[in-house]
Amino acid sequence: KLKNIANLRDLLMVVLGSVLSILDTVSPLTPPTMILHTIIIKLLIIVTLTMLGVRARLRS
């Protein structure tokens, strides 16, 4: 069960990484408000992933 959680987290990190790299390549062309939005979204995703990781660790 722990192995599945670790694999899922690795997969999420890979997906997150690719999404962030796409956002970073787009950001120079976007207005500052959009950059701010992407930063907020990034933070929300990171916090969510961390919470999921902590919750999974506590449950095991």
C-alpha atoms as a PDB file:
ATOM      1  CA  LYS A   1       0.000   0.000   0.000  1.00  0.00           C
ATOM      2  CA  LEU A   2       2.819   2.401   0.855  1.00  0.00           C
ATOM      3  CA  LYS A   3       4.482   1.605  -2.466  1.00  0.00           C
ATOM      4  CA  ASN A   4       1.331   2.604  -4.349  1.00  0.00           C
ATOM      5  CA  ILE A   5       1.196   5.932  -2.490  1.00  0.00           C
ATOM      6  CA  ALA A   6       4.848   6.611  -3.329  1.00  0.00           C
ATOM      7  CA  ASN A   7       4.272   5.750  -6.994  1.00  0.00           C
ATOM      8  CA  LEU A   8       1.213   7.990  -7.097  1.00  0.00           C
ATOM      9  CA  ARG A   9       3.182  10.857  -5.577  1.00  0.00           C
ATOM     10  CA  ASP A  10       5.993  10.341  -8.115  1.00  0.00           C
ATOM     11  CA  LEU A  11       3.437  10.403 -10.925  1.00  0.00           C
ATOM     12  CA  LEU A  12       1.851  13.566  -9.511  1.00  0.00           C
ATOM     13  CA  MET A  13       5.259  15.236  -9.268  1.00  0.00           C
ATOM     14  CA  VAL A  14       6.050  14.328 -12.898  1.00  0.00           C
ATOM     15  CA  VAL A  15       2.699  15.694 -14.075  1.00  0.00           C
ATOM     16  CA  LEU A  16       3.130  18.786 -11.906  1.00  0.00           C
ATOM     17  CA  GLY A  17       6.648  19.313 -13.259  1.00  0.00           C
ATOM     18  CA  SER A  18       5.494  19.164 -16.869  1.00  0.00           C
ATOM     19  CA  VAL A  19       2.562  21.505 -16.161  1.00  0.00           C
ATOM     20  CA  LEU A  20       4.852  23.992 -14.405  1.00  0.00           C
ATOM     21  CA  SER A  21       7.385  23.905 -17.251  1.00  0.00           C
ATOM     22  CA  ILE A  22       4.576  24.614 -19.729  1.00  0.00           C
ATOM     23  CA  LEU A  23       3.371  27.499 -17.531  1.00  0.00           C
ATOM     24  CA  ASP A  24       6.929  28.844 -17.262  1.00  0.00           C
ATOM     25  CA  THR A  25       7.396  28.819 -21.053  1.00  0.00           C
ATOM     26  CA  VAL A  26       4.067  30.629 -21.485  1.00  0.00           C
ATOM     27  CA  SER A  27       4.538  33.203 -18.698  1.00  0.00           C
ATOM     28  CA  PRO A  28       6.854  35.668 -20.564  1.00  0.00           C
ATOM     29  CA  LEU A  29       4.067  36.221 -23.113  1.00  0.00           C
ATOM     30  CA  THR A  30       1.300  36.651 -20.542  1.00  0.00           C
ATOM     31  CA  PRO A  31       0.369  39.810 -18.606  1.00  0.00           C
ATOM     32  CA  PRO A  32       1.530  40.193 -14.955  1.00  0.00           C
ATOM     33  CA  THR A  33      -1.930  39.328 -13.608  1.00  0.00           C
ATOM     34  CA  MET A  34      -1.759  35.944 -15.322  1.00  0.00           C
ATOM     35  CA  ILE A  35       1.719  35.345 -13.867  1.00  0.00           C
ATOM     36  CA  LEU A  36       0.304  36.108 -10.418  1.00  0.00           C
ATOM     37  CA  HIS A  37      -2.529  33.649 -11.057  1.00  0.00           C
ATOM     38  CA  THR A  38      -0.093  30.897 -12.087  1.00  0.00           C
ATOM     39  CA  ILE A  39       2.004  31.503  -8.953  1.00  0.00           C
ATOM     40  CA  ILE A  40      -1.110  31.193  -6.768  1.00  0.00           C
ATOM     41  CA  ILE A  41      -2.164  28.029  -8.618  1.00  0.00           C
ATOM     42  CA  LYS A  42       1.350  26.569  -8.176  1.00  0.00           C
ATOM     43  CA  LEU A  43       1.243  27.266  -4.436  1.00  0.00           C
ATOM     44  CA  LEU A  44      -2.228  25.721  -4.132  1.00  0.00           C
ATOM     45  CA  ILE A  45      -1.100  22.582  -5.988  1.00  0.00           C
ATOM     46  CA  ILE A  46       2.041  22.255  -3.832  1.00  0.00           C
ATOM     47  CA  VAL A  47       0.050  22.712  -0.604  1.00  0.00           C
ATOM     48  CA  THR A  48      -2.555  20.179  -1.755  1.00  0.00           C
ATOM     49  CA  LEU A  49       0.131  17.619  -2.641  1.00  0.00           C
ATOM     50  CA  THR A  50       1.861  18.160   0.703  1.00  0.00           C
ATOM     51  CA  MET A  51      -1.401  17.711   2.609  1.00  0.00           C
ATOM     52  CA  LEU A  52      -2.175  14.524   0.674  1.00  0.00           C
ATOM     53  CA  GLY A  53       1.307  13.219   1.407  1.00  0.00           C
ATOM     54  CA  VAL A  54       1.036  14.001   5.127  1.00  0.00           C
ATOM     55  CA  ARG A  55      -2.438  12.466   5.346  1.00  0.00           C
ATOM     56  CA  ALA A  56      -1.262   9.318   3.547  1.00  0.00           C
ATOM     57  CA  ARG A  57       1.723   9.052   5.898  1.00  0.00           C
ATOM     58  CA  LEU A  58      -0.476   9.458   8.983  1.00  0.00           C
ATOM     59  CA  ARG A  59      -2.945   6.843   7.759  1.00  0.00           C
ATOM     60  CA  SER A  60      -0.255   4.201   7.164  1.00  0.00           C
END
